[in-house]
Amino acid sequence: VAYRVDSFEMVRSLVANGFGYALLNFVPPYNVYGHGTLTSRPLADVDR
């Protein structure tokens, strides 16, 4: 855990800008001029 933030938008911004990855249940598109973009992938080993 490199960063702990309590804002969903801050998580998306930090990830889009290359600070790390996140695990989220809801990932709307992120398209902010001058920032990176997001890609989401399924997590293979979740039981439920």
ModelCIF file with pLDDT and N, C-alpha, C, O atoms, coordinates in Angstrom:
data_MODEL
#
_entry.id   MODEL 
#
_entity.id                         1 
_entity.type                       polymer 
_entity.pdbx_number_of_molecules   1 
#
_entity_poly.entity_id                      1 
_entity_poly.type                           'polypeptide(L)' 
_entity_poly.nstd_linkage                   no 
_entity_poly.nstd_monomer                   no 
_entity_poly.pdbx_seq_one_letter_code       VAYRVDSFEMVRSLVANGFGYALLNFVPPYNVYGHGTLTSRPLADVDR 
_entity_poly.pdbx_seq_one_letter_code_can   VAYRVDSFEMVRSLVANGFGYALLNFVPPYNVYGHGTLTSRPLADVDR 
_entity_poly.pdbx_strand_id                 A 
#
loop_
_entity_poly_seq.entity_id 
_entity_poly_seq.num 
_entity_poly_seq.mon_id 
_entity_poly_seq.hetero 
1 1  VAL n 
1 2  ALA n 
1 3  TYR n 
1 4  ARG n 
1 5  VAL n 
1 6  ASP n 
1 7  SER n 
1 8  PHE n 
1 9  GLU n 
1 10 MET n 
1 11 VAL n 
1 12 ARG n 
1 13 SER n 
1 14 LEU n 
1 15 VAL n 
1 16 ALA n 
1 17 ASN n 
1 18 GLY n 
1 19 PHE n 
1 20 GLY n 
1 21 TYR n 
1 22 ALA n 
1 23 LEU n 
1 24 LEU n 
1 25 ASN n 
1 26 PHE n 
1 27 VAL n 
1 28 PRO n 
1 29 PRO n 
1 30 TYR n 
1 31 ASN n 
1 32 VAL n 
1 33 TYR n 
1 34 GLY n 
1 35 HIS n 
1 36 GLY n 
1 37 THR n 
1 38 LEU n 
1 39 THR n 
1 40 SER n 
1 41 ARG n 
1 42 PRO n 
1 43 LEU n 
1 44 ALA n 
1 45 ASP n 
1 46 VAL n 
1 47 ASP n 
1 48 ARG n 
#
_struct_asym.id          A 
_struct_asym.entity_id   1 
#
loop_
_ma_qa_metric.id 
_ma_qa_metric.mode 
_ma_qa_metric.name 
_ma_qa_metric.software_group_id 
_ma_qa_metric.type 
1 global pLDDT . pLDDT 
2 local  pLDDT . pLDDT 
#
_ma_qa_metric_global.metric_id      1 
_ma_qa_metric_global.metric_value   85.54 
_ma_qa_metric_global.model_id       1 
_ma_qa_metric_global.ordinal_id     1 
#
loop_
_ma_qa_metric_local.label_asym_id 
_ma_qa_metric_local.label_comp_id 
_ma_qa_metric_local.label_seq_id 
_ma_qa_metric_local.metric_id 
_ma_qa_metric_local.metric_value 
_ma_qa_metric_local.model_id 
_ma_qa_metric_local.ordinal_id 
A VAL 1  2 98.00 1 1  
A ALA 2  2 98.00 1 2  
A TYR 3  2 98.00 1 3  
A ARG 4  2 97.00 1 4  
A VAL 5  2 96.00 1 5  
A ASP 6  2 92.00 1 6  
A SER 7  2 90.00 1 7  
A PHE 8  2 87.00 1 8  
A GLU 9  2 89.00 1 9  
A MET 10 2 93.00 1 10 
A VAL 11 2 93.00 1 11 
A ARG 12 2 91.00 1 12 
A SER 13 2 91.00 1 13 
A LEU 14 2 94.00 1 14 
A VAL 15 2 94.00 1 15 
A ALA 16 2 91.00 1 16 
A ASN 17 2 92.00 1 17 
A GLY 18 2 93.00 1 18 
A PHE 19 2 96.00 1 19 
A GLY 20 2 96.00 1 20 
A TYR 21 2 96.00 1 21 
A ALA 22 2 96.00 1 22 
A LEU 23 2 94.00 1 23 
A LEU 24 2 91.00 1 24 
A ASN 25 2 85.00 1 25 
A PHE 26 2 77.00 1 26 
A VAL 27 2 72.00 1 27 
A PRO 28 2 67.00 1 28 
A PRO 29 2 66.00 1 29 
A TYR 30 2 65.00 1 30 
A ASN 31 2 66.00 1 31 
A VAL 32 2 68.00 1 32 
A TYR 33 2 71.00 1 33 
A GLY 34 2 74.00 1 34 
A HIS 35 2 76.00 1 35 
A GLY 36 2 79.00 1 36 
A THR 37 2 83.00 1 37 
A LEU 38 2 88.00 1 38 
A THR 39 2 87.00 1 39 
A SER 40 2 87.00 1 40 
A ARG 41 2 89.00 1 41 
A PRO 42 2 86.00 1 42 
A LEU 43 2 87.00 1 43 
A ALA 44 2 85.00 1 44 
A ASP 45 2 81.00 1 45 
A VAL 46 2 78.00 1 46 
A ASP 47 2 72.00 1 47 
A ARG 48 2 71.00 1 48 
#
loop_
_atom_site.group_PDB 
_atom_site.id 
_atom_site.type_symbol 
_atom_site.label_atom_id 
_atom_site.label_alt_id 
_atom_site.label_comp_id 
_atom_site.label_asym_id 
_atom_site.label_entity_id 
_atom_site.label_seq_id 
_atom_site.pdbx_PDB_ins_code 
_atom_site.Cartn_x 
_atom_site.Cartn_y 
_atom_site.Cartn_z 
_atom_site.occupancy 
_atom_site.B_iso_or_equiv 
_atom_site.pdbx_formal_charge 
_atom_site.auth_seq_id 
_atom_site.auth_comp_id 
_atom_site.auth_asym_id 
_atom_site.auth_atom_id 
_atom_site.pdbx_PDB_model_num 
ATOM 1   N N  . VAL A 1 1  ? 0.865   -1.187  0.000   1.00 98.00 ? 1  VAL A N  1 
ATOM 2   C CA . VAL A 1 1  ? 0.000   0.000   0.000   1.00 98.00 ? 1  VAL A CA 1 
ATOM 3   C C  . VAL A 1 1  ? 0.899   1.233   0.000   1.00 98.00 ? 1  VAL A C  1 
ATOM 4   O O  . VAL A 1 1  ? 1.565   1.538   0.989   1.00 98.00 ? 1  VAL A O  1 
ATOM 5   N N  . ALA A 1 2  ? 0.900   1.931   -1.130  1.00 98.00 ? 2  ALA A N  1 
ATOM 6   C CA . ALA A 1 2  ? 1.735   3.131   -1.277  1.00 98.00 ? 2  ALA A CA 1 
ATOM 7   C C  . ALA A 1 2  ? 0.977   4.398   -0.904  1.00 98.00 ? 2  ALA A C  1 
ATOM 8   O O  . ALA A 1 2  ? 1.562   5.344   -0.377  1.00 98.00 ? 2  ALA A O  1 
ATOM 9   N N  . TYR A 1 3  ? -0.326  4.416   -1.178  1.00 98.00 ? 3  TYR A N  1 
ATOM 10  C CA . TYR A 1 3  ? -1.152  5.597   -0.918  1.00 98.00 ? 3  TYR A CA 1 
ATOM 11  C C  . TYR A 1 3  ? -2.494  5.161   -0.357  1.00 98.00 ? 3  TYR A C  1 
ATOM 12  O O  . TYR A 1 3  ? -3.096  4.199   -0.834  1.00 98.00 ? 3  TYR A O  1 
ATOM 13  N N  . ARG A 1 4  ? -2.956  5.874   0.658   1.00 97.00 ? 4  ARG A N  1 
ATOM 14  C CA . ARG A 1 4  ? -4.280  5.663   1.248   1.00 97.00 ? 4  ARG A CA 1 
ATOM 15  C C  . ARG A 1 4  ? -5.061  6.950   1.077   1.00 97.00 ? 4  ARG A C  1 
ATOM 16  O O  . ARG A 1 4  ? -4.670  7.996   1.596   1.00 97.00 ? 4  ARG A O  1 
ATOM 17  N N  . VAL A 1 5  ? -6.163  6.876   0.350   1.00 96.00 ? 5  VAL A N  1 
ATOM 18  C CA . VAL A 1 5  ? -6.989  8.068   0.140   1.00 96.00 ? 5  VAL A CA 1 
ATOM 19  C C  . VAL A 1 5  ? -8.450  7.695   0.357   1.00 96.00 ? 5  VAL A C  1 
ATOM 20  O O  . VAL A 1 5  ? -8.852  6.562   0.093   1.00 96.00 ? 5  VAL A O  1 
ATOM 21  N N  . ASP A 1 6  ? -9.244  8.651   0.839   1.00 92.00 ? 6  ASP A N  1 
ATOM 22  C CA . ASP A 1 6  ? -10.647 8.328   1.110   1.00 92.00 ? 6  ASP A CA 1 
ATOM 23  C C  . ASP A 1 6  ? -11.587 8.838   0.026   1.00 92.00 ? 6  ASP A C  1 
ATOM 24  O O  . ASP A 1 6  ? -12.805 8.800   0.198   1.00 92.00 ? 6  ASP A O  1 
ATOM 25  N N  . SER A 1 7  ? -11.044 9.311   -1.080  1.00 90.00 ? 7  SER A N  1 
ATOM 26  C CA . SER A 1 7  ? -11.846 9.827   -2.180  1.00 90.00 ? 7  SER A CA 1 
ATOM 27  C C  . SER A 1 7  ? -11.728 8.915   -3.403  1.00 90.00 ? 7  SER A C  1 
ATOM 28  O O  . SER A 1 7  ? -10.628 8.613   -3.867  1.00 90.00 ? 7  SER A O  1 
ATOM 29  N N  . PHE A 1 8  ? -12.868 8.489   -3.907  1.00 87.00 ? 8  PHE A N  1 
ATOM 30  C CA . PHE A 1 8  ? -12.917 7.664   -5.109  1.00 87.00 ? 8  PHE A CA 1 
ATOM 31  C C  . PHE A 1 8  ? -12.254 8.389   -6.281  1.00 87.00 ? 8  PHE A C  1 
ATOM 32  O O  . PHE A 1 8  ? -11.489 7.787   -7.034  1.00 87.00 ? 8  PHE A O  1 
ATOM 33  N N  . GLU A 1 9  ? -12.546 9.676   -6.432  1.00 89.00 ? 9  GLU A N  1 
ATOM 34  C CA . GLU A 1 9  ? -11.970 10.448  -7.531  1.00 89.00 ? 9  GLU A CA 1 
ATOM 35  C C  . GLU A 1 9  ? -10.456 10.576  -7.401  1.00 89.00 ? 9  GLU A C  1 
ATOM 36  O O  . GLU A 1 9  ? -9.744  10.553  -8.405  1.00 89.00 ? 9  GLU A O  1 
ATOM 37  N N  . MET A 1 10 ? -9.962  10.709  -6.179  1.00 93.00 ? 10 MET A N  1 
ATOM 38  C CA . MET A 1 10 ? -8.516  10.796  -5.971  1.00 93.00 ? 10 MET A CA 1 
ATOM 39  C C  . MET A 1 10 ? -7.850  9.467   -6.337  1.00 93.00 ? 10 MET A C  1 
ATOM 40  O O  . MET A 1 10 ? -6.766  9.460   -6.920  1.00 93.00 ? 10 MET A O  1 
ATOM 41  N N  . VAL A 1 11 ? -8.484  8.353   -6.002  1.00 93.00 ? 11 VAL A N  1 
ATOM 42  C CA . VAL A 1 11 ? -7.946  7.040   -6.380  1.00 93.00 ? 11 VAL A CA 1 
ATOM 43  C C  . VAL A 1 11 ? -7.802  6.976   -7.895  1.00 93.00 ? 11 VAL A C  1 
ATOM 44  O O  . VAL A 1 11 ? -6.742  6.615   -8.407  1.00 93.00 ? 11 VAL A O  1 
ATOM 45  N N  . ARG A 1 12 ? -8.864  7.326   -8.609  1.00 91.00 ? 12 ARG A N  1 
ATOM 46  C CA . ARG A 1 12 ? -8.824  7.259   -10.073 1.00 91.00 ? 12 ARG A CA 1 
ATOM 47  C C  . ARG A 1 12 ? -7.752  8.186   -10.642 1.00 91.00 ? 12 ARG A C  1 
ATOM 48  O O  . ARG A 1 12 ? -7.055  7.811   -11.584 1.00 91.00 ? 12 ARG A O  1 
ATOM 49  N N  . SER A 1 13 ? -7.610  9.373   -10.095 1.00 91.00 ? 13 SER A N  1 
ATOM 50  C CA . SER A 1 13 ? -6.612  10.322  -10.584 1.00 91.00 ? 13 SER A CA 1 
ATOM 51  C C  . SER A 1 13 ? -5.195  9.807   -10.346 1.00 91.00 ? 13 SER A C  1 
ATOM 52  O O  . SER A 1 13 ? -4.357  9.862   -11.246 1.00 91.00 ? 13 SER A O  1 
ATOM 53  N N  . LEU A 1 14 ? -4.921  9.308   -9.140  1.00 94.00 ? 14 LEU A N  1 
ATOM 54  C CA . LEU A 1 14 ? -3.581  8.787   -8.844  1.00 94.00 ? 14 LEU A CA 1 
ATOM 55  C C  . LEU A 1 14 ? -3.231  7.608   -9.747  1.00 94.00 ? 14 LEU A C  1 
ATOM 56  O O  . LEU A 1 14 ? -2.113  7.529   -10.256 1.00 94.00 ? 14 LEU A O  1 
ATOM 57  N N  . VAL A 1 15 ? -4.174  6.696   -9.948  1.00 94.00 ? 15 VAL A N  1 
ATOM 58  C CA . VAL A 1 15 ? -3.911  5.543   -10.817 1.00 94.00 ? 15 VAL A CA 1 
ATOM 59  C C  . VAL A 1 15 ? -3.698  6.002   -12.261 1.00 94.00 ? 15 VAL A C  1 
ATOM 60  O O  . VAL A 1 15 ? -2.743  5.571   -12.907 1.00 94.00 ? 15 VAL A O  1 
ATOM 61  N N  . ALA A 1 16 ? -4.564  6.861   -12.768 1.00 91.00 ? 16 ALA A N  1 
ATOM 62  C CA . ALA A 1 16 ? -4.428  7.333   -14.152 1.00 91.00 ? 16 ALA A CA 1 
ATOM 63  C C  . ALA A 1 16 ? -3.092  8.019   -14.385 1.00 91.00 ? 16 ALA A C  1 
ATOM 64  O O  . ALA A 1 16 ? -2.558  7.991   -15.493 1.00 91.00 ? 16 ALA A O  1 
ATOM 65  N N  . ASN A 1 17 ? -2.554  8.635   -13.340 1.00 92.00 ? 17 ASN A N  1 
ATOM 66  C CA . ASN A 1 17 ? -1.282  9.338   -13.460 1.00 92.00 ? 17 ASN A CA 1 
ATOM 67  C C  . ASN A 1 17 ? -0.079  8.477   -13.089 1.00 92.00 ? 17 ASN A C  1 
ATOM 68  O O  . ASN A 1 17 ? 1.026   8.994   -12.925 1.00 92.00 ? 17 ASN A O  1 
ATOM 69  N N  . GLY A 1 18 ? -0.286  7.161   -12.954 1.00 93.00 ? 18 GLY A N  1 
ATOM 70  C CA . GLY A 1 18 ? 0.829   6.234   -12.812 1.00 93.00 ? 18 GLY A CA 1 
ATOM 71  C C  . GLY A 1 18 ? 1.370   6.013   -11.413 1.00 93.00 ? 18 GLY A C  1 
ATOM 72  O O  . GLY A 1 18 ? 2.473   5.487   -11.265 1.00 93.00 ? 18 GLY A O  1 
ATOM 73  N N  . PHE A 1 19 ? 0.624   6.401   -10.375 1.00 96.00 ? 19 PHE A N  1 
ATOM 74  C CA . PHE A 1 19 ? 1.109   6.222   -9.008  1.00 96.00 ? 19 PHE A CA 1 
ATOM 75  C C  . PHE A 1 19 ? 0.936   4.796   -8.494  1.00 96.00 ? 19 PHE A C  1 
ATOM 76  O O  . PHE A 1 19 ? 1.512   4.449   -7.463  1.00 96.00 ? 19 PHE A O  1 
ATOM 77  N N  . GLY A 1 20 ? 0.173   3.978   -9.170  1.00 96.00 ? 20 GLY A N  1 
ATOM 78  C CA . GLY A 1 20 ? -0.050  2.605   -8.740  1.00 96.00 ? 20 GLY A CA 1 
ATOM 79  C C  . GLY A 1 20 ? -1.324  2.056   -9.340  1.00 96.00 ? 20 GLY A C  1 
ATOM 80  O O  . GLY A 1 20 ? -1.893  2.630   -10.268 1.00 96.00 ? 20 GLY A O  1 
ATOM 81  N N  . TYR A 1 21 ? -1.764  0.925   -8.791  1.00 96.00 ? 21 TYR A N  1 
ATOM 82  C CA . TYR A 1 21 ? -3.017  0.294   -9.216  1.00 96.00 ? 21 TYR A CA 1 
ATOM 83  C C  . TYR A 1 21 ? -4.012  0.441   -8.072  1.00 96.00 ? 21 TYR A C  1 
ATOM 84  O O  . TYR A 1 21 ? -3.646  0.829   -6.963  1.00 96.00 ? 21 TYR A O  1 
ATOM 85  N N  . ALA A 1 22 ? -5.264  0.130   -8.352  1.00 96.00 ? 22 ALA A N  1 
ATOM 86  C CA . ALA A 1 22 ? -6.297  0.099   -7.314  1.00 96.00 ? 22 ALA A CA 1 
ATOM 87  C C  . ALA A 1 22 ? -7.217  -1.072  -7.578  1.00 96.00 ? 22 ALA A C  1 
ATOM 88  O O  . ALA A 1 22 ? -7.274  -1.593  -8.692  1.00 96.00 ? 22 ALA A O  1 
ATOM 89  N N  . LEU A 1 23 ? -7.933  -1.482  -6.555  1.00 94.00 ? 23 LEU A N  1 
ATOM 90  C CA . LEU A 1 23 ? -9.004  -2.471  -6.688  1.00 94.00 ? 23 LEU A CA 1 
ATOM 91  C C  . LEU A 1 23 ? -10.316 -1.742  -6.410  1.00 94.00 ? 23 LEU A C  1 
ATOM 92  O O  . LEU A 1 23 ? -10.498 -1.148  -5.348  1.00 94.00 ? 23 LEU A O  1 
ATOM 93  N N  . LEU A 1 24 ? -11.217 -1.795  -7.374  1.00 91.00 ? 24 LEU A N  1 
ATOM 94  C CA . LEU A 1 24 ? -12.501 -1.111  -7.253  1.00 91.00 ? 24 LEU A CA 1 
ATOM 95  C C  . LEU A 1 24 ? -13.612 -1.982  -7.828  1.00 91.00 ? 24 LEU A C  1 
ATOM 96  O O  . LEU A 1 24 ? -13.374 -2.820  -8.697  1.00 91.00 ? 24 LEU A O  1 
ATOM 97  N N  . ASN A 1 25 ? -14.836 -1.770  -7.328  1.00 85.00 ? 25 ASN A N  1 
ATOM 98  C CA . ASN A 1 25 ? -16.001 -2.470  -7.859  1.00 85.00 ? 25 ASN A CA 1 
ATOM 99  C C  . ASN A 1 25 ? -16.675 -1.704  -8.987  1.00 85.00 ? 25 ASN A C  1 
ATOM 100 O O  . ASN A 1 25 ? -17.438 -2.277  -9.764  1.00 85.00 ? 25 ASN A O  1 
ATOM 101 N N  . PHE A 1 26 ? -16.398 -0.429  -9.073  1.00 77.00 ? 26 PHE A N  1 
ATOM 102 C CA . PHE A 1 26 ? -17.093 0.431   -10.019 1.00 77.00 ? 26 PHE A CA 1 
ATOM 103 C C  . PHE A 1 26 ? -16.050 1.330   -10.665 1.00 77.00 ? 26 PHE A C  1 
ATOM 104 O O  . PHE A 1 26 ? -15.376 2.100   -9.982  1.00 77.00 ? 26 PHE A O  1 
ATOM 105 N N  . VAL A 1 27 ? -15.920 1.228   -11.985 1.00 72.00 ? 27 VAL A N  1 
ATOM 106 C CA . VAL A 1 27 ? -14.870 1.975   -12.675 1.00 72.00 ? 27 VAL A CA 1 
ATOM 107 C C  . VAL A 1 27 ? -15.454 2.709   -13.889 1.00 72.00 ? 27 VAL A C  1 
ATOM 108 O O  . VAL A 1 27 ? -15.388 2.209   -15.012 1.00 72.00 ? 27 VAL A O  1 
ATOM 109 N N  . PRO A 1 28 ? -16.020 3.889   -13.657 1.00 67.00 ? 28 PRO A N  1 
ATOM 110 C CA . PRO A 1 28 ? -16.483 4.664   -14.810 1.00 67.00 ? 28 PRO A CA 1 
ATOM 111 C C  . PRO A 1 28 ? -15.300 5.184   -15.608 1.00 67.00 ? 28 PRO A C  1 
ATOM 112 O O  . PRO A 1 28 ? -14.191 5.261   -15.081 1.00 67.00 ? 28 PRO A O  1 
ATOM 113 N N  . PRO A 1 29 ? -15.513 5.540   -16.862 1.00 66.00 ? 29 PRO A N  1 
ATOM 114 C CA . PRO A 1 29 ? -14.399 6.058   -17.675 1.00 66.00 ? 29 PRO A CA 1 
ATOM 115 C C  . PRO A 1 29 ? -13.746 7.275   -17.024 1.00 66.00 ? 29 PRO A C  1 
ATOM 116 O O  . PRO A 1 29 ? -14.391 8.056   -16.325 1.00 66.00 ? 29 PRO A O  1 
ATOM 117 N N  . TYR A 1 30 ? -12.464 7.405   -17.272 1.00 65.00 ? 30 TYR A N  1 
ATOM 118 C CA . TYR A 1 30 ? -11.702 8.546   -16.731 1.00 65.00 ? 30 TYR A CA 1 
ATOM 119 C C  . TYR A 1 30 ? -11.022 9.213   -17.910 1.00 65.00 ? 30 TYR A C  1 
ATOM 120 O O  . TYR A 1 30 ? -10.131 8.633   -18.531 1.00 65.00 ? 30 TYR A O  1 
ATOM 121 N N  . ASN A 1 31 ? -11.439 10.419  -18.215 1.00 66.00 ? 31 ASN A N  1 
ATOM 122 C CA . ASN A 1 31 ? -10.877 11.124  -19.350 1.00 66.00 ? 31 ASN A CA 1 
ATOM 123 C C  . ASN A 1 31 ? -10.707 12.588  -18.972 1.00 66.00 ? 31 ASN A C  1 
ATOM 124 O O  . ASN A 1 31 ? -11.583 13.412  -19.231 1.00 66.00 ? 31 ASN A O  1 
ATOM 125 N N  . VAL A 1 32 ? -9.580  12.900  -18.361 1.00 68.00 ? 32 VAL A N  1 
ATOM 126 C CA . VAL A 1 32 ? -9.278  14.260  -17.929 1.00 68.00 ? 32 VAL A CA 1 
ATOM 127 C C  . VAL A 1 32 ? -8.091  14.749  -18.744 1.00 68.00 ? 32 VAL A C  1 
ATOM 128 O O  . VAL A 1 32 ? -7.021  14.141  -18.718 1.00 68.00 ? 32 VAL A O  1 
ATOM 129 N N  . TYR A 1 33 ? -8.275  15.829  -19.455 1.00 71.00 ? 33 TYR A N  1 
ATOM 130 C CA . TYR A 1 33 ? -7.229  16.360  -20.319 1.00 71.00 ? 33 TYR A CA 1 
ATOM 131 C C  . TYR A 1 33 ? -5.936  16.564  -19.525 1.00 71.00 ? 33 TYR A C  1 
ATOM 132 O O  . TYR A 1 33 ? -5.943  17.132  -18.433 1.00 71.00 ? 33 TYR A O  1 
ATOM 133 N N  . GLY A 1 34 ? -4.836  16.090  -20.094 1.00 74.00 ? 34 GLY A N  1 
ATOM 134 C CA . GLY A 1 34 ? -3.527  16.265  -19.474 1.00 74.00 ? 34 GLY A CA 1 
ATOM 135 C C  . GLY A 1 34 ? -3.170  15.173  -18.476 1.00 74.00 ? 34 GLY A C  1 
ATOM 136 O O  . GLY A 1 34 ? -2.062  15.168  -17.940 1.00 74.00 ? 34 GLY A O  1 
ATOM 137 N N  . HIS A 1 35 ? -4.082  14.255  -18.221 1.00 76.00 ? 35 HIS A N  1 
ATOM 138 C CA . HIS A 1 35 ? -3.828  13.147  -17.296 1.00 76.00 ? 35 HIS A CA 1 
ATOM 139 C C  . HIS A 1 35 ? -3.854  11.849  -18.084 1.00 76.00 ? 35 HIS A C  1 
ATOM 140 O O  . HIS A 1 35 ? -4.266  11.824  -19.244 1.00 76.00 ? 35 HIS A O  1 
ATOM 141 N N  . GLY A 1 36 ? -3.421  10.793  -17.461 1.00 79.00 ? 36 GLY A N  1 
ATOM 142 C CA . GLY A 1 36 ? -3.457  9.488   -18.098 1.00 79.00 ? 36 GLY A CA 1 
ATOM 143 C C  . GLY A 1 36 ? -4.880  8.947   -18.162 1.00 79.00 ? 36 GLY A C  1 
ATOM 144 O O  . GLY A 1 36 ? -5.833  9.614   -17.760 1.00 79.00 ? 36 GLY A O  1 
ATOM 145 N N  . THR A 1 37 ? -5.002  7.744   -18.668 1.00 83.00 ? 37 THR A N  1 
ATOM 146 C CA . THR A 1 37 ? -6.307  7.079   -18.731 1.00 83.00 ? 37 THR A CA 1 
ATOM 147 C C  . THR A 1 37 ? -6.239  5.775   -17.948 1.00 83.00 ? 37 THR A C  1 
ATOM 148 O O  . THR A 1 37 ? -5.161  5.297   -17.597 1.00 83.00 ? 37 THR A O  1 
ATOM 149 N N  . LEU A 1 38 ? -7.403  5.216   -17.683 1.00 88.00 ? 38 LEU A N  1 
ATOM 150 C CA . LEU A 1 38 ? -7.513  3.994   -16.890 1.00 88.00 ? 38 LEU A CA 1 
ATOM 151 C C  . LEU A 1 38 ? -7.892  2.801   -17.747 1.00 88.00 ? 38 LEU A C  1 
ATOM 152 O O  . LEU A 1 38 ? -8.570  2.924   -18.767 1.00 88.00 ? 38 LEU A O  1 
ATOM 153 N N  . THR A 1 39 ? -7.437  1.654   -17.304 1.00 87.00 ? 39 THR A N  1 
ATOM 154 C CA . THR A 1 39 ? -7.848  0.373   -17.851 1.00 87.00 ? 39 THR A CA 1 
ATOM 155 C C  . THR A 1 39 ? -8.238  -0.500  -16.670 1.00 87.00 ? 39 THR A C  1 
ATOM 156 O O  . THR A 1 39 ? -7.542  -0.508  -15.655 1.00 87.00 ? 39 THR A O  1 
ATOM 157 N N  . SER A 1 40 ? -9.334  -1.234  -16.782 1.00 87.00 ? 40 SER A N  1 
ATOM 158 C CA . SER A 1 40 ? -9.698  -2.163  -15.709 1.00 87.00 ? 40 SER A CA 1 
ATOM 159 C C  . SER A 1 40 ? -9.699  -3.578  -16.255 1.00 87.00 ? 40 SER A C  1 
ATOM 160 O O  . SER A 1 40 ? -10.045 -3.826  -17.410 1.00 87.00 ? 40 SER A O  1 
ATOM 161 N N  . ARG A 1 41 ? -9.305  -4.488  -15.396 1.00 89.00 ? 41 ARG A N  1 
ATOM 162 C CA . ARG A 1 41 ? -9.245  -5.908  -15.733 1.00 89.00 ? 41 ARG A CA 1 
ATOM 163 C C  . ARG A 1 41 ? -9.883  -6.700  -14.604 1.00 89.00 ? 41 ARG A C  1 
ATOM 164 O O  . ARG A 1 41 ? -9.805  -6.301  -13.442 1.00 89.00 ? 41 ARG A O  1 
ATOM 165 N N  . PRO A 1 42 ? -10.522 -7.835  -14.942 1.00 86.00 ? 42 PRO A N  1 
ATOM 166 C CA . PRO A 1 42 ? -11.089 -8.680  -13.881 1.00 86.00 ? 42 PRO A CA 1 
ATOM 167 C C  . PRO A 1 42 ? -9.992  -9.202  -12.961 1.00 86.00 ? 42 PRO A C  1 
ATOM 168 O O  . PRO A 1 42 ? -8.857  -9.427  -13.381 1.00 86.00 ? 42 PRO A O  1 
ATOM 169 N N  . LEU A 1 43 ? -10.356 -9.387  -11.710 1.00 87.00 ? 43 LEU A N  1 
ATOM 170 C CA . LEU A 1 43 ? -9.460  -10.006 -10.746 1.00 87.00 ? 43 LEU A CA 1 
ATOM 171 C C  . LEU A 1 43 ? -9.797  -11.489 -10.734 1.00 87.00 ? 43 LEU A C  1 
ATOM 172 O O  . LEU A 1 43 ? -10.915 -11.880 -10.399 1.00 87.00 ? 43 LEU A O  1 
ATOM 173 N N  . ALA A 1 44 ? -8.821  -12.307 -11.102 1.00 85.00 ? 44 ALA A N  1 
ATOM 174 C CA . ALA A 1 44 ? -9.072  -13.726 -11.353 1.00 85.00 ? 44 ALA A CA 1 
ATOM 175 C C  . ALA A 1 44 ? -9.382  -14.544 -10.105 1.00 85.00 ? 44 ALA A C  1 
ATOM 176 O O  . ALA A 1 44 ? -10.104 -15.537 -10.202 1.00 85.00 ? 44 ALA A O  1 
ATOM 177 N N  . ASP A 1 45 ? -8.871  -14.172 -8.950  1.00 81.00 ? 45 ASP A N  1 
ATOM 178 C CA . ASP A 1 45 ? -8.965  -15.059 -7.799  1.00 81.00 ? 45 ASP A CA 1 
ATOM 179 C C  . ASP A 1 45 ? -9.853  -14.530 -6.668  1.00 81.00 ? 45 ASP A C  1 
ATOM 180 O O  . ASP A 1 45 ? -9.467  -14.564 -5.500  1.00 81.00 ? 45 ASP A O  1 
ATOM 181 N N  . VAL A 1 46 ? -11.027 -14.050 -7.022  1.00 78.00 ? 46 VAL A N  1 
ATOM 182 C CA . VAL A 1 46 ? -11.999 -13.621 -6.017  1.00 78.00 ? 46 VAL A CA 1 
ATOM 183 C C  . VAL A 1 46 ? -13.095 -14.671 -5.956  1.00 78.00 ? 46 VAL A C  1 
ATOM 184 O O  . VAL A 1 46 ? -13.699 -15.023 -6.970  1.00 78.00 ? 46 VAL A O  1 
ATOM 185 N N  . ASP A 1 47 ? -13.342 -15.169 -4.741  1.00 72.00 ? 47 ASP A N  1 
ATOM 186 C CA . ASP A 1 47 ? -14.313 -16.250 -4.572  1.00 72.00 ? 47 ASP A CA 1 
ATOM 187 C C  . ASP A 1 47 ? -15.753 -15.795 -4.764  1.00 72.00 ? 47 ASP A C  1 
ATOM 188 O O  . ASP A 1 47 ? -16.548 -16.486 -5.400  1.00 72.00 ? 47 ASP A O  1 
ATOM 189 N N  . ARG A 1 48 ? -16.084 -14.641 -4.216  1.00 71.00 ? 48 ARG A N  1 
ATOM 190 C CA . ARG A 1 48 ? -17.463 -14.186 -4.249  1.00 71.00 ? 48 ARG A CA 1 
ATOM 191 C C  . ARG A 1 48 ? -17.505 -12.684 -4.518  1.00 71.00 ? 48 ARG A C  1 
ATOM 192 O O  . ARG A 1 48 ? -18.586 -12.099 -4.585  1.00 71.00 ? 48 ARG A O  1 
#
